[in-house]
Amino acid sequence: MTARAYRPDPLVLAAASLTDEAAFQVRVVELLTRHGYSVFHPYDSRRSEPGFPDLIAIRGGRLLAIELKVGRRRVTDDQARWLRLFDGVREVQALTLRGAATGGDDLADFENFIRRRARREVMG
């Protein structure tokens, strides 16, 4: 699977500066995609969990959780917590859950999956 070619607006890219986080993000995404990463950025981060990283980039077996900062801005406590959580990940599984509002879905199987994983973590 190859990364979709990201084509930033040339005018936005030309105006990018290290003092503007949005413009800096355009430069970072362009660099990542040029190097074969698939990049996700929440369209409206106000609807995400507080502190969730600005970018998630994946290539091969590597996932990068990236928080962008420019100027004197600092990582918040919520952002630092998310970055620590991502840094501690040792296993990733891609799942699809089929659901229905009234039951008859995959939720019971998913709960069993989570319980089995929790037992393994406790047992070491």
PDB file of N, CA and C in Angstrom:
ATOM      1  N   MET A   1       0.845  -1.174   0.000  1.00  0.00           N
ATOM      2  CA  MET A   1       0.000   0.000   0.000  1.00  0.00           C
ATOM      3  C   MET A   1       0.888   1.235   0.000  1.00  0.00           C
ATOM      4  N   THR A   2       0.615   2.154  -0.894  1.00  0.00           N
ATOM      5  CA  THR A   2       1.419   3.360  -0.972  1.00  0.00           C
ATOM      6  C   THR A   2       0.642   4.532  -0.405  1.00  0.00           C
ATOM      7  N   ALA A   3       1.369   5.501   0.093  1.00  0.00           N
ATOM      8  CA  ALA A   3       0.739   6.691   0.653  1.00  0.00           C
ATOM      9  C   ALA A   3       0.137   7.515  -0.474  1.00  0.00           C
ATOM     10  N   ARG A   4      -1.014   8.094  -0.208  1.00  0.00           N
ATOM     11  CA  ARG A   4      -1.655   8.969  -1.165  1.00  0.00           C
ATOM     12  C   ARG A   4      -0.822  10.235  -1.296  1.00  0.00           C
ATOM     13  N   ALA A   5      -0.626  10.674  -2.497  1.00  0.00           N
ATOM     14  CA  ALA A   5       0.188  11.865  -2.727  1.00  0.00           C
ATOM     15  C   ALA A   5      -0.509  13.086  -2.140  1.00  0.00           C
ATOM     16  N   TYR A   6       0.163  13.782  -1.259  1.00  0.00           N
ATOM     17  CA  TYR A   6      -0.360  15.012  -0.652  1.00  0.00           C
ATOM     18  C   TYR A   6       0.164  16.182  -1.456  1.00  0.00           C
ATOM     19  N   ARG A   7      -0.710  17.030  -1.888  1.00  0.00           N
ATOM     20  CA  ARG A   7      -0.314  18.177  -2.692  1.00  0.00           C
ATOM     21  C   ARG A   7      -0.777  19.460  -1.989  1.00  0.00           C
ATOM     22  N   PRO A   8       0.118  20.065  -1.203  1.00  0.00           N
ATOM     23  CA  PRO A   8      -0.282  21.295  -0.521  1.00  0.00           C
ATOM     24  C   PRO A   8      -0.465  22.432  -1.508  1.00  0.00           C
ATOM     25  N   ASP A   9      -1.290  23.384  -1.138  1.00  0.00           N
ATOM     26  CA  ASP A   9      -1.493  24.579  -1.942  1.00  0.00           C
ATOM     27  C   ASP A   9      -0.151  25.311  -2.021  1.00  0.00           C
ATOM     28  N   PRO A  10       0.384  25.541  -3.233  1.00  0.00           N
ATOM     29  CA  PRO A  10       1.696  26.187  -3.364  1.00  0.00           C
ATOM     30  C   PRO A  10       1.763  27.546  -2.677  1.00  0.00           C
ATOM     31  N   LEU A  11       0.660  28.293  -2.675  1.00  0.00           N
ATOM     32  CA  LEU A  11       0.667  29.604  -2.022  1.00  0.00           C
ATOM     33  C   LEU A  11       0.773  29.454  -0.503  1.00  0.00           C
ATOM     34  N   VAL A  12       0.065  28.461   0.054  1.00  0.00           N
ATOM     35  CA  VAL A  12       0.149  28.219   1.496  1.00  0.00           C
ATOM     36  C   VAL A  12       1.551  27.755   1.853  1.00  0.00           C
ATOM     37  N   LEU A  13       2.093  26.850   1.044  1.00  0.00           N
ATOM     38  CA  LEU A  13       3.432  26.331   1.308  1.00  0.00           C
ATOM     39  C   LEU A  13       4.473  27.450   1.222  1.00  0.00           C
ATOM     40  N   ALA A  14       4.335  28.333   0.253  1.00  0.00           N
ATOM     41  CA  ALA A  14       5.290  29.435   0.102  1.00  0.00           C
ATOM     42  C   ALA A  14       5.217  30.396   1.282  1.00  0.00           C
ATOM     43  N   ALA A  15       4.025  30.531   1.875  1.00  0.00           N
ATOM     44  CA  ALA A  15       3.844  31.450   2.996  1.00  0.00           C
ATOM     45  C   ALA A  15       4.189  30.814   4.336  1.00  0.00           C
ATOM     46  N   ALA A  16       4.504  29.516   4.333  1.00  0.00           N
ATOM     47  CA  ALA A  16       4.760  28.812   5.593  1.00  0.00           C
ATOM     48  C   ALA A  16       5.950  29.424   6.324  1.00  0.00           C
ATOM     49  N   SER A  17       5.763  29.600   7.616  1.00  0.00           N
ATOM     50  CA  SER A  17       6.855  30.103   8.441  1.00  0.00           C
ATOM     51  C   SER A  17       6.833  29.362   9.768  1.00  0.00           C
ATOM     52  N   LEU A  18       7.945  29.394  10.494  1.00  0.00           N
ATOM     53  CA  LEU A  18       8.028  28.691  11.768  1.00  0.00           C
ATOM     54  C   LEU A  18       7.264  29.397  12.876  1.00  0.00           C
ATOM     55  N   THR A  19       6.651  30.534  12.593  1.00  0.00           N
ATOM     56  CA  THR A  19       5.866  31.215  13.612  1.00  0.00           C
ATOM     57  C   THR A  19       4.381  30.944  13.444  1.00  0.00           C
ATOM     58  N   ASP A  20       3.993  30.159  12.481  1.00  0.00           N
ATOM     59  CA  ASP A  20       2.584  29.868  12.216  1.00  0.00           C
ATOM     60  C   ASP A  20       2.408  28.352  12.214  1.00  0.00           C
ATOM     61  N   GLU A  21       1.709  27.819  13.244  1.00  0.00           N
ATOM     62  CA  GLU A  21       1.581  26.369  13.376  1.00  0.00           C
ATOM     63  C   GLU A  21       0.861  25.724  12.190  1.00  0.00           C
ATOM     64  N   ALA A  22      -0.163  26.372  11.653  1.00  0.00           N
ATOM     65  CA  ALA A  22      -0.879  25.795  10.514  1.00  0.00           C
ATOM     66  C   ALA A  22       0.034  25.675   9.299  1.00  0.00           C
ATOM     67  N   ALA A  23       0.812  26.710   9.042  1.00  0.00           N
ATOM     68  CA  ALA A  23       1.742  26.660   7.912  1.00  0.00           C
ATOM     69  C   ALA A  23       2.852  25.648   8.176  1.00  0.00           C
ATOM     70  N   PHE A  24       3.317  25.576   9.416  1.00  0.00           N
ATOM     71  CA  PHE A  24       4.337  24.589   9.788  1.00  0.00           C
ATOM     72  C   PHE A  24       3.800  23.179   9.564  1.00  0.00           C
ATOM     73  N   GLN A  25       2.528  22.964   9.916  1.00  0.00           N
ATOM     74  CA  GLN A  25       1.910  21.653   9.709  1.00  0.00           C
ATOM     75  C   GLN A  25       1.915  21.268   8.235  1.00  0.00           C
ATOM     76  N   VAL A  26       1.633  22.212   7.354  1.00  0.00           N
ATOM     77  CA  VAL A  26       1.663  21.936   5.912  1.00  0.00           C
ATOM     78  C   VAL A  26       3.041  21.425   5.519  1.00  0.00           C
ATOM     79  N   ARG A  27       4.078  22.063   6.032  1.00  0.00           N
ATOM     80  CA  ARG A  27       5.450  21.651   5.705  1.00  0.00           C
ATOM     81  C   ARG A  27       5.762  20.263   6.242  1.00  0.00           C
ATOM     82  N   VAL A  28       5.319  19.972   7.481  1.00  0.00           N
ATOM     83  CA  VAL A  28       5.580  18.669   8.084  1.00  0.00           C
ATOM     84  C   VAL A  28       4.850  17.571   7.314  1.00  0.00           C
ATOM     85  N   VAL A  29       3.584  17.802   6.988  1.00  0.00           N
ATOM     86  CA  VAL A  29       2.810  16.797   6.245  1.00  0.00           C
ATOM     87  C   VAL A  29       3.435  16.554   4.878  1.00  0.00           C
ATOM     88  N   GLU A  30       3.868  17.610   4.218  1.00  0.00           N
ATOM     89  CA  GLU A  30       4.514  17.457   2.906  1.00  0.00           C
ATOM     90  C   GLU A  30       5.769  16.610   3.028  1.00  0.00           C
ATOM     91  N   LEU A  31       6.566  16.855   4.055  1.00  0.00           N
ATOM     92  CA  LEU A  31       7.795  16.083   4.266  1.00  0.00           C
ATOM     93  C   LEU A  31       7.479  14.608   4.531  1.00  0.00           C
ATOM     94  N   LEU A  32       6.504  14.358   5.395  1.00  0.00           N
ATOM     95  CA  LEU A  32       6.133  12.973   5.719  1.00  0.00           C
ATOM     96  C   LEU A  32       5.634  12.221   4.485  1.00  0.00           C
ATOM     97  N   THR A  33       4.753  12.840   3.724  1.00  0.00           N
ATOM     98  CA  THR A  33       4.209  12.151   2.549  1.00  0.00           C
ATOM     99  C   THR A  33       5.280  11.944   1.482  1.00  0.00           C
ATOM    100  N   ARG A  34       6.198  12.887   1.369  1.00  0.00           N
ATOM    101  CA  ARG A  34       7.308  12.718   0.424  1.00  0.00           C
ATOM    102  C   ARG A  34       8.138  11.485   0.786  1.00  0.00           C
ATOM    103  N   HIS A  35       8.175  11.152   2.068  1.00  0.00           N
ATOM    104  CA  HIS A  35       8.931   9.992   2.536  1.00  0.00           C
ATOM    105  C   HIS A  35       8.065   8.758   2.715  1.00  0.00           C
ATOM    106  N   GLY A  36       6.874   8.753   2.119  1.00  0.00           N
ATOM    107  CA  GLY A  36       6.050   7.554   2.068  1.00  0.00           C
ATOM    108  C   GLY A  36       5.113   7.323   3.233  1.00  0.00           C
ATOM    109  N   TYR A  37       4.950   8.287   4.123  1.00  0.00           N
ATOM    110  CA  TYR A  37       4.027   8.127   5.244  1.00  0.00           C
ATOM    111  C   TYR A  37       2.599   8.470   4.817  1.00  0.00           C
ATOM    112  N   SER A  38       1.645   7.747   5.374  1.00  0.00           N
ATOM    113  CA  SER A  38       0.236   8.127   5.298  1.00  0.00           C
ATOM    114  C   SER A  38      -0.032   8.957   6.546  1.00  0.00           C
ATOM    115  N   VAL A  39      -0.674  10.101   6.385  1.00  0.00           N
ATOM    116  CA  VAL A  39      -0.820  11.051   7.489  1.00  0.00           C
ATOM    117  C   VAL A  39      -2.294  11.314   7.766  1.00  0.00           C
ATOM    118  N   PHE A  40      -2.638  11.297   9.065  1.00  0.00           N
ATOM    119  CA  PHE A  40      -3.979  11.664   9.511  1.00  0.00           C
ATOM    120  C   PHE A  40      -3.889  12.909  10.371  1.00  0.00           C
ATOM    121  N   HIS A  41      -4.791  13.853  10.117  1.00  0.00           N
ATOM    122  CA  HIS A  41      -4.931  15.039  10.951  1.00  0.00           C
ATOM    123  C   HIS A  41      -6.423  15.237  11.207  1.00  0.00           C
ATOM    124  N   PRO A  42      -6.837  15.342  12.490  1.00  0.00           N
ATOM    125  CA  PRO A  42      -8.265  15.574  12.751  1.00  0.00           C
ATOM    126  C   PRO A  42      -8.724  16.866  12.090  1.00  0.00           C
ATOM    127  N   TYR A  43      -9.835  16.797  11.398  1.00  0.00           N
ATOM    128  CA  TYR A  43     -10.361  17.977  10.705  1.00  0.00           C
ATOM    129  C   TYR A  43     -10.646  19.102  11.698  1.00  0.00           C
ATOM    130  N   ASP A  44     -11.261  18.749  12.821  1.00  0.00           N
ATOM    131  CA  ASP A  44     -11.599  19.739  13.839  1.00  0.00           C
ATOM    132  C   ASP A  44     -11.181  19.178  15.193  1.00  0.00           C
ATOM    133  N   SER A  45      -9.991  19.550  15.648  1.00  0.00           N
ATOM    134  CA  SER A  45      -9.452  18.959  16.871  1.00  0.00           C
ATOM    135  C   SER A  45     -10.267  19.338  18.108  1.00  0.00           C
ATOM    136  N   ARG A  46     -11.119  20.322  18.017  1.00  0.00           N
ATOM    137  CA  ARG A  46     -11.973  20.680  19.163  1.00  0.00           C
ATOM    138  C   ARG A  46     -12.945  19.553  19.494  1.00  0.00           C
ATOM    139  N   ARG A  47     -13.164  18.651  18.553  1.00  0.00           N
ATOM    140  CA  ARG A  47     -14.057  17.514  18.791  1.00  0.00           C
ATOM    141  C   ARG A  47     -13.288  16.244  19.147  1.00  0.00           C
ATOM    142  N   SER A  48     -11.972  16.350  19.270  1.00  0.00           N
ATOM    143  CA  SER A  48     -11.127  15.216  19.667  1.00  0.00           C
ATOM    144  C   SER A  48     -10.931  15.250  21.176  1.00  0.00           C
ATOM    145  N   GLU A  49     -10.368  14.169  21.698  1.00  0.00           N
ATOM    146  CA  GLU A  49      -9.998  14.150  23.110  1.00  0.00           C
ATOM    147  C   GLU A  49      -8.966  15.241  23.365  1.00  0.00           C
ATOM    148  N   PRO A  50      -9.052  15.941  24.493  1.00  0.00           N
ATOM    149  CA  PRO A  50      -8.067  16.991  24.785  1.00  0.00           C
ATOM    150  C   PRO A  50      -6.640  16.452  24.741  1.00  0.00           C
ATOM    151  N   GLY A  51      -5.791  17.149  24.005  1.00  0.00           N
ATOM    152  CA  GLY A  51      -4.379  16.787  23.953  1.00  0.00           C
ATOM    153  C   GLY A  51      -4.000  15.776  22.897  1.00  0.00           C
ATOM    154  N   PHE A  52      -4.979  15.217  22.169  1.00  0.00           N
ATOM    155  CA  PHE A  52      -4.636  14.218  21.149  1.00  0.00           C
ATOM    156  C   PHE A  52      -3.679  14.856  20.138  1.00  0.00           C
ATOM    157  N   PRO A  53      -2.643  14.100  19.718  1.00  0.00           N
ATOM    158  CA  PRO A  53      -1.615  14.687  18.831  1.00  0.00           C
ATOM    159  C   PRO A  53      -2.188  15.289  17.546  1.00  0.00           C
ATOM    160  N   ASP A  54      -1.480  16.268  17.031  1.00  0.00           N
ATOM    161  CA  ASP A  54      -1.895  16.961  15.808  1.00  0.00           C
ATOM    162  C   ASP A  54      -1.873  16.041  14.593  1.00  0.00           C
ATOM    163  N   LEU A  55      -0.875  15.166  14.523  1.00  0.00           N
ATOM    164  CA  LEU A  55      -0.710  14.297  13.352  1.00  0.00           C
ATOM    165  C   LEU A  55      -0.430  12.866  13.791  1.00  0.00           C
ATOM    166  N   ILE A  56      -0.969  11.924  13.043  1.00  0.00           N
ATOM    167  CA  ILE A  56      -0.601  10.520  13.159  1.00  0.00           C
ATOM    168  C   ILE A  56      -0.078  10.125  11.783  1.00  0.00           C
ATOM    169  N   ALA A  57       1.136   9.620  11.731  1.00  0.00           N
ATOM    170  CA  ALA A  57       1.757   9.239  10.458  1.00  0.00           C
ATOM    171  C   ALA A  57       2.177   7.774  10.548  1.00  0.00           C
ATOM    172  N   ILE A  58       1.898   7.016   9.484  1.00  0.00           N
ATOM    173  CA  ILE A  58       2.213   5.585   9.464  1.00  0.00           C
ATOM    174  C   ILE A  58       2.931   5.242   8.170  1.00  0.00           C
ATOM    175  N   ARG A  59       4.005   4.471   8.322  1.00  0.00           N
ATOM    176  CA  ARG A  59       4.710   3.912   7.165  1.00  0.00           C
ATOM    177  C   ARG A  59       5.261   2.568   7.604  1.00  0.00           C
ATOM    178  N   GLY A  60       4.921   1.526   6.839  1.00  0.00           N
ATOM    179  CA  GLY A  60       5.387   0.191   7.201  1.00  0.00           C
ATOM    180  C   GLY A  60       4.934  -0.144   8.611  1.00  0.00           C
ATOM    181  N   GLY A  61       5.848  -0.550   9.459  1.00  0.00           N
ATOM    182  CA  GLY A  61       5.511  -0.903  10.832  1.00  0.00           C
ATOM    183  C   GLY A  61       5.689   0.231  11.815  1.00  0.00           C
ATOM    184  N   ARG A  62       5.844   1.444  11.360  1.00  0.00           N
ATOM    185  CA  ARG A  62       6.101   2.575  12.257  1.00  0.00           C
ATOM    186  C   ARG A  62       4.921   3.537  12.287  1.00  0.00           C
ATOM    187  N   LEU A  63       4.536   3.929  13.499  1.00  0.00           N
ATOM    188  CA  LEU A  63       3.502   4.931  13.709  1.00  0.00           C
ATOM    189  C   LEU A  63       4.133   6.087  14.473  1.00  0.00           C
ATOM    190  N   LEU A  64       3.949   7.288  13.966  1.00  0.00           N
ATOM    191  CA  LEU A  64       4.454   8.489  14.624  1.00  0.00           C
ATOM    192  C   LEU A  64       3.266   9.302  15.135  1.00  0.00           C
ATOM    193  N   ALA A  65       3.270   9.633  16.417  1.00  0.00           N
ATOM    194  CA  ALA A  65       2.291  10.548  16.996  1.00  0.00           C
ATOM    195  C   ALA A  65       3.026  11.880  17.165  1.00  0.00           C
ATOM    196  N   ILE A  66       2.547  12.900  16.480  1.00  0.00           N
ATOM    197  CA  ILE A  66       3.295  14.158  16.397  1.00  0.00           C
ATOM    198  C   ILE A  66       2.470  15.314  16.943  1.00  0.00           C
ATOM    199  N   GLU A  67       3.034  16.018  17.903  1.00  0.00           N
ATOM    200  CA  GLU A  67       2.441  17.255  18.418  1.00  0.00           C
ATOM    201  C   GLU A  67       3.290  18.406  17.885  1.00  0.00           C
ATOM    202  N   LEU A  68       2.665  19.332  17.211  1.00  0.00           N
ATOM    203  CA  LEU A  68       3.385  20.449  16.605  1.00  0.00           C
ATOM    204  C   LEU A  68       3.364  21.666  17.532  1.00  0.00           C
ATOM    205  N   LYS A  69       4.500  22.295  17.672  1.00  0.00           N
ATOM    206  CA  LYS A  69       4.615  23.520  18.461  1.00  0.00           C
ATOM    207  C   LYS A  69       5.521  24.482  17.721  1.00  0.00           C
ATOM    208  N   VAL A  70       5.177  25.742  17.749  1.00  0.00           N
ATOM    209  CA  VAL A  70       6.029  26.785  17.166  1.00  0.00           C
ATOM    210  C   VAL A  70       6.205  27.894  18.184  1.00  0.00           C
ATOM    211  N   GLY A  71       7.260  28.641  18.013  1.00  0.00           N
ATOM    212  CA  GLY A  71       7.508  29.758  18.911  1.00  0.00           C
ATOM    213  C   GLY A  71       7.695  29.301  20.350  1.00  0.00           C
ATOM    214  N   ARG A  72       7.068  30.004  21.257  1.00  0.00           N
ATOM    215  CA  ARG A  72       7.215  29.713  22.683  1.00  0.00           C
ATOM    216  C   ARG A  72       6.131  28.800  23.236  1.00  0.00           C
ATOM    217  N   ARG A  73       5.282  28.291  22.378  1.00  0.00           N
ATOM    218  CA  ARG A  73       4.196  27.418  22.844  1.00  0.00           C
ATOM    219  C   ARG A  73       4.781  26.145  23.432  1.00  0.00           C
ATOM    220  N   ARG A  74       4.155  25.657  24.484  1.00  0.00           N
ATOM    221  CA  ARG A  74       4.624  24.473  25.197  1.00  0.00           C
ATOM    222  C   ARG A  74       3.596  23.352  25.100  1.00  0.00           C
ATOM    223  N   VAL A  75       4.071  22.126  25.251  1.00  0.00           N
ATOM    224  CA  VAL A  75       3.190  20.958  25.284  1.00  0.00           C
ATOM    225  C   VAL A  75       2.378  21.026  26.569  1.00  0.00           C
ATOM    226  N   THR A  76       1.054  20.845  26.459  1.00  0.00           N
ATOM    227  CA  THR A  76       0.186  20.862  27.637  1.00  0.00           C
ATOM    228  C   THR A  76       0.292  19.521  28.365  1.00  0.00           C
ATOM    229  N   ASP A  77      -0.249  19.470  29.572  1.00  0.00           N
ATOM    230  CA  ASP A  77      -0.259  18.207  30.326  1.00  0.00           C
ATOM    231  C   ASP A  77      -1.019  17.125  29.563  1.00  0.00           C
ATOM    232  N   ASP A  78      -2.174  17.474  28.973  1.00  0.00           N
ATOM    233  CA  ASP A  78      -2.948  16.487  28.194  1.00  0.00           C
ATOM    234  C   ASP A  78      -2.162  15.995  26.985  1.00  0.00           C
ATOM    235  N   GLN A  79      -1.466  16.907  26.307  1.00  0.00           N
ATOM    236  CA  GLN A  79      -0.665  16.514  25.147  1.00  0.00           C
ATOM    237  C   GLN A  79       0.481  15.605  25.570  1.00  0.00           C
ATOM    238  N   ALA A  80       1.140  15.930  26.666  1.00  0.00           N
ATOM    239  CA  ALA A  80       2.239  15.092  27.169  1.00  0.00           C
ATOM    240  C   ALA A  80       1.724  13.706  27.545  1.00  0.00           C
ATOM    241  N   ARG A  81       0.532  13.643  28.144  1.00  0.00           N
ATOM    242  CA  ARG A  81      -0.053  12.340  28.512  1.00  0.00           C
ATOM    243  C   ARG A  81      -0.293  11.486  27.273  1.00  0.00           C
ATOM    244  N   TRP A  82      -0.883  12.064  26.221  1.00  0.00           N
ATOM    245  CA  TRP A  82      -1.119  11.308  24.995  1.00  0.00           C
ATOM    246  C   TRP A  82       0.192  10.830  24.368  1.00  0.00           C
ATOM    247  N   LEU A  83       1.196  11.691  24.348  1.00  0.00           N
ATOM    248  CA  LEU A  83       2.480  11.295  23.761  1.00  0.00           C
ATOM    249  C   LEU A  83       3.105  10.144  24.553  1.00  0.00           C
ATOM    250  N   ARG A  84       2.993  10.178  25.887  1.00  0.00           N
ATOM    251  CA  ARG A  84       3.490   9.063  26.706  1.00  0.00           C
ATOM    252  C   ARG A  84       2.722   7.780  26.403  1.00  0.00           C
ATOM    253  N   LEU A  85       1.400   7.891  26.246  1.00  0.00           N
ATOM    254  CA  LEU A  85       0.590   6.713  25.924  1.00  0.00           C
ATOM    255  C   LEU A  85       1.032   6.098  24.592  1.00  0.00           C
ATOM    256  N   PHE A  86       1.192   6.941  23.579  1.00  0.00           N
ATOM    257  CA  PHE A  86       1.655   6.425  22.292  1.00  0.00           C
ATOM    258  C   PHE A  86       3.053   5.830  22.400  1.00  0.00           C
ATOM    259  N   ASP A  87       3.917   6.464  23.151  1.00  0.00           N
ATOM    260  CA  ASP A  87       5.283   5.978  23.300  1.00  0.00           C
ATOM    261  C   ASP A  87       5.332   4.608  23.975  1.00  0.00           C
ATOM    262  N   GLY A  88       4.351   4.318  24.813  1.00  0.00           N
ATOM    263  CA  GLY A  88       4.319   3.045  25.519  1.00  0.00           C
ATOM    264  C   GLY A  88       3.655   1.908  24.754  1.00  0.00           C
ATOM    265  N   VAL A  89       3.106   2.189  23.584  1.00  0.00           N
ATOM    266  CA  VAL A  89       2.404   1.152  22.807  1.00  0.00           C
ATOM    267  C   VAL A  89       3.404   0.123  22.303  1.00  0.00           C
ATOM    268  N   ARG A  90       3.117  -1.133  22.535  1.00  0.00           N
ATOM    269  CA  ARG A  90       3.975  -2.219  22.059  1.00  0.00           C
ATOM    270  C   ARG A  90       3.228  -3.164  21.124  1.00  0.00           C
ATOM    271  N   GLU A  91       1.933  -2.967  20.989  1.00  0.00           N
ATOM    272  CA  GLU A  91       1.139  -3.821  20.106  1.00  0.00           C
ATOM    273  C   GLU A  91       0.024  -2.976  19.509  1.00  0.00           C
ATOM    274  N   VAL A  92      -0.191  -3.139  18.228  1.00  0.00           N
ATOM    275  CA  VAL A  92      -1.274  -2.441  17.548  1.00  0.00           C
ATOM    276  C   VAL A  92      -2.081  -3.481  16.789  1.00  0.00           C
ATOM    277  N   GLN A  93      -3.380  -3.384  16.891  1.00  0.00           N
ATOM    278  CA  GLN A  93      -4.249  -4.247  16.106  1.00  0.00           C
ATOM    279  C   GLN A  93      -5.303  -3.390  15.437  1.00  0.00           C
ATOM    280  N   ALA A  94      -5.564  -3.665  14.184  1.00  0.00           N
ATOM    281  CA  ALA A  94      -6.591  -2.951  13.437  1.00  0.00           C
ATOM    282  C   ALA A  94      -7.879  -3.767  13.505  1.00  0.00           C
ATOM    283  N   LEU A  95      -8.941  -3.144  13.954  1.00  0.00           N
ATOM    284  CA  LEU A  95     -10.208  -3.843  14.160  1.00  0.00           C
ATOM    285  C   LEU A  95     -11.334  -3.116  13.451  1.00  0.00           C
ATOM    286  N   THR A  96     -12.316  -3.881  13.026  1.00  0.00           N
ATOM    287  CA  THR A  96     -13.574  -3.330  12.549  1.00  0.00           C
ATOM    288  C   THR A  96     -14.664  -3.925  13.414  1.00  0.00           C
ATOM    289  N   LEU A  97     -15.492  -3.081  14.015  1.00  0.00           N
ATOM    290  CA  LEU A  97     -16.606  -3.553  14.834  1.00  0.00           C
ATOM    291  C   LEU A  97     -17.899  -3.246  14.114  1.00  0.00           C
ATOM    292  N   ARG A  98     -18.727  -4.247  13.975  1.00  0.00           N
ATOM    293  CA  ARG A  98     -20.044  -4.062  13.367  1.00  0.00           C
ATOM    294  C   ARG A  98     -21.038  -3.854  14.502  1.00  0.00           C
ATOM    295  N   GLY A  99     -21.860  -2.843  14.381  1.00  0.00           N
ATOM    296  CA  GLY A  99     -22.769  -2.520  15.466  1.00  0.00           C
ATOM    297  C   GLY A  99     -24.194  -2.333  15.010  1.00  0.00           C
ATOM    298  N   ALA A 100     -25.062  -2.408  15.991  1.00  0.00           N
ATOM    299  CA  ALA A 100     -26.481  -2.144  15.786  1.00  0.00           C
ATOM    300  C   ALA A 100     -26.982  -1.454  17.043  1.00  0.00           C
ATOM    301  N   ALA A 101     -27.880  -0.515  16.888  1.00  0.00           N
ATOM    302  CA  ALA A 101     -28.371   0.253  18.028  1.00  0.00           C
ATOM    303  C   ALA A 101     -29.070  -0.621  19.059  1.00  0.00           C
ATOM    304  N   THR A 102     -29.641  -1.740  18.640  1.00  0.00           N
ATOM    305  CA  THR A 102     -30.436  -2.569  19.562  1.00  0.00           C
ATOM    306  C   THR A 102     -29.781  -3.894  19.898  1.00  0.00           C
ATOM    307  N   GLY A 103     -28.506  -4.058  19.599  1.00  0.00           N
ATOM    308  CA  GLY A 103     -27.825  -5.318  19.912  1.00  0.00           C
ATOM    309  C   GLY A 103     -27.641  -6.156  18.670  1.00  0.00           C
ATOM    310  N   GLY A 104     -27.275  -7.425  18.871  1.00  0.00           N
ATOM    311  CA  GLY A 104     -27.015  -8.300  17.733  1.00  0.00           C
ATOM    312  C   GLY A 104     -25.762  -7.890  16.984  1.00  0.00           C
ATOM    313  N   ASP A 105     -24.799  -7.346  17.731  1.00  0.00           N
ATOM    314  CA  ASP A 105     -23.592  -6.843  17.087  1.00  0.00           C
ATOM    315  C   ASP A 105     -22.359  -7.535  17.656  1.00  0.00           C
ATOM    316  N   ASP A 106     -21.189  -7.003  17.356  1.00  0.00           N
ATOM    317  CA  ASP A 106     -19.911  -7.591  17.765  1.00  0.00           C
ATOM    318  C   ASP A 106     -19.453  -7.167  19.155  1.00  0.00           C
ATOM    319  N   LEU A 107     -20.264  -6.422  19.886  1.00  0.00           N
ATOM    320  CA  LEU A 107     -19.816  -5.833  21.141  1.00  0.00           C
ATOM    321  C   LEU A 107     -19.444  -6.876  22.196  1.00  0.00           C
ATOM    322  N   ALA A 108     -20.200  -7.952  22.324  1.00  0.00           N
ATOM    323  CA  ALA A 108     -19.873  -8.986  23.319  1.00  0.00           C
ATOM    324  C   ALA A 108     -18.540  -9.648  22.987  1.00  0.00           C
ATOM    325  N   ASP A 109     -18.306  -9.959  21.718  1.00  0.00           N
ATOM    326  CA  ASP A 109     -17.025 -10.543  21.312  1.00  0.00           C
ATOM    327  C   ASP A 109     -15.876  -9.562  21.571  1.00  0.00           C
ATOM    328  N   PHE A 110     -16.121  -8.283  21.327  1.00  0.00           N
ATOM    329  CA  PHE A 110     -15.095  -7.281  21.556  1.00  0.00           C
ATOM    330  C   PHE A 110     -14.768  -7.167  23.044  1.00  0.00           C
ATOM    331  N   GLU A 111     -15.793  -7.222  23.884  1.00  0.00           N
ATOM    332  CA  GLU A 111     -15.549  -7.167  25.329  1.00  0.00           C
ATOM    333  C   GLU A 111     -14.728  -8.369  25.787  1.00  0.00           C
ATOM    334  N   ASN A 112     -15.002  -9.545  25.255  1.00  0.00           N
ATOM    335  CA  ASN A 112     -14.198 -10.729  25.582  1.00  0.00           C
ATOM    336  C   ASN A 112     -12.753 -10.551  25.133  1.00  0.00           C
ATOM    337  N   PHE A 113     -12.567  -9.983  23.961  1.00  0.00           N
ATOM    338  CA  PHE A 113     -11.225  -9.697  23.450  1.00  0.00           C
ATOM    339  C   PHE A 113     -10.472  -8.776  24.420  1.00  0.00           C
ATOM    340  N   ILE A 114     -11.130  -7.706  24.868  1.00  0.00           N
ATOM    341  CA  ILE A 114     -10.505  -6.756  25.792  1.00  0.00           C
ATOM    342  C   ILE A 114     -10.162  -7.433  27.116  1.00  0.00           C
ATOM    343  N   ARG A 115     -11.074  -8.257  27.631  1.00  0.00           N
ATOM    344  CA  ARG A 115     -10.821  -8.952  28.898  1.00  0.00           C
ATOM    345  C   ARG A 115      -9.629  -9.899  28.786  1.00  0.00           C
ATOM    346  N   ARG A 116      -9.536 -10.632  27.672  1.00  0.00           N
ATOM    347  CA  ARG A 116      -8.393 -11.542  27.474  1.00  0.00           C
ATOM    348  C   ARG A 116      -7.088 -10.760  27.442  1.00  0.00           C
ATOM    349  N   ARG A 117      -7.085  -9.615  26.768  1.00  0.00           N
ATOM    350  CA  ARG A 117      -5.892  -8.776  26.702  1.00  0.00           C
ATOM    351  C   ARG A 117      -5.518  -8.257  28.087  1.00  0.00           C
ATOM    352  N   ALA A 118      -6.507  -7.845  28.863  1.00  0.00           N
ATOM    353  CA  ALA A 118      -6.246  -7.321  30.208  1.00  0.00           C
ATOM    354  C   ALA A 118      -5.639  -8.402  31.098  1.00  0.00           C
ATOM    355  N   ARG A 119      -6.137  -9.635  30.981  1.00  0.00           N
ATOM    356  CA  ARG A 119      -5.575 -10.737  31.760  1.00  0.00           C
ATOM    357  C   ARG A 119      -4.124 -10.987  31.392  1.00  0.00           C
ATOM    358  N   ARG A 120      -3.816 -10.932  30.111  1.00  0.00           N
ATOM    359  CA  ARG A 120      -2.426 -11.132  29.662  1.00  0.00           C
ATOM    360  C   ARG A 120      -1.502 -10.058  30.203  1.00  0.00           C
ATOM    361  N   GLU A 121      -1.996  -8.810  30.235  1.00  0.00           N
ATOM    362  CA  GLU A 121      -1.184  -7.711  30.744  1.00  0.00           C
ATOM    363  C   GLU A 121      -0.899  -7.893  32.228  1.00  0.00           C
ATOM    364  N   VAL A 122      -1.888  -8.346  32.993  1.00  0.00           N
ATOM    365  CA  VAL A 122      -1.724  -8.542  34.430  1.00  0.00           C
ATOM    366  C   VAL A 122      -0.753  -9.701  34.699  1.00  0.00           C
ATOM    367  N   MET A 123      -0.880 -10.762  33.899  1.00  0.00           N
ATOM    368  CA  MET A 123      -0.047 -11.943  34.105  1.00  0.00           C
ATOM    369  C   MET A 123       1.375 -11.731  33.601  1.00  0.00           C
ATOM    370  N   GLY A 124       1.552 -10.728  32.782  1.00  0.00           N
ATOM    371  CA  GLY A 124       2.892 -10.399  32.305  1.00  0.00           C
ATOM    372  C   GLY A 124       3.311 -11.197  31.168  1.00  0.00           C
TER     373      GLY A 124
END
